[in-house]
Amino acid sequence: MFSSLSNKVLVDTYFNAVKLELDEDFIKLLEEEIDRRGIQLDTVERMA
C-alpha cells in the first residue's frame, strides 16, 4: 500500500499522523510498513 513512498516520506507521514491524532488504524498501517522496512523509529527520532 505504501510501497511507493520513500522512507523519509513514510516516517514524516507517521510522525504527522501521530501529532494530528489521526485514525488509529491509519497509524497502525504506517507502523506496519515502517516495521516491514526495518526502520527504527527511535533512531529516526534522535536524528530529527
Protein backbone atom coordinates (compact mmCIF):
# COMPACT_ATOMS: atom_id res chain seq x y z
CA MET A 1 0.00 0.00 0.00
CA PHE A 2 2.76 2.47 0.93
CA SER A 3 5.49 0.86 -1.15
CA SER A 4 5.80 3.85 -3.49
CA LEU A 5 6.67 6.20 -0.60
CA SER A 6 10.29 6.89 0.22
CA ASN A 7 11.42 6.03 3.74
CA LYS A 8 11.62 9.73 4.63
CA VAL A 9 8.09 10.46 3.42
CA LEU A 10 6.77 7.38 5.22
CA VAL A 11 8.38 8.38 8.53
CA ASP A 12 7.31 12.03 8.15
CA THR A 13 3.76 10.88 7.43
CA TYR A 14 3.81 8.66 10.51
CA PHE A 15 5.00 11.43 12.84
CA ASN A 16 2.49 13.89 11.39
CA ALA A 17 -0.34 11.37 11.75
CA VAL A 18 0.55 10.82 15.41
CA LYS A 19 0.87 14.57 16.03
CA LEU A 20 -2.50 15.27 14.41
CA GLU A 21 -4.09 12.32 16.23
CA LEU A 22 -5.37 10.77 13.01
CA ASP A 23 -7.25 7.48 12.87
CA GLU A 24 -5.54 4.72 14.87
CA ASP A 25 -5.98 2.22 12.04
CA PHE A 26 -4.15 4.53 9.63
CA ILE A 27 -1.30 4.99 12.11
CA LYS A 28 -1.17 1.21 12.62
CA LEU A 29 -0.82 0.69 8.84
CA LEU A 30 2.05 3.17 8.78
CA GLU A 31 3.71 1.41 11.72
CA GLU A 32 3.40 -1.95 9.98
CA GLU A 33 5.05 -0.61 6.82
CA ILE A 34 7.82 1.01 8.88
CA ASP A 35 8.40 -2.33 10.63
CA ARG A 36 8.34 -4.20 7.32
CA ARG A 37 11.10 -1.92 6.01
CA GLY A 38 13.15 -2.40 9.17
CA ILE A 39 13.17 1.30 10.05
CA GLN A 40 13.95 2.01 13.70
CA LEU A 41 11.74 4.93 14.79
CA ASP A 42 13.72 5.61 17.97
CA THR A 43 16.83 6.15 15.81
CA VAL A 44 14.93 8.41 13.43
CA GLU A 45 13.56 10.49 16.32
CA ARG A 46 17.07 11.20 17.57
CA MET A 47 18.15 12.31 14.08
CA ALA A 48 15.28 14.78 13.70
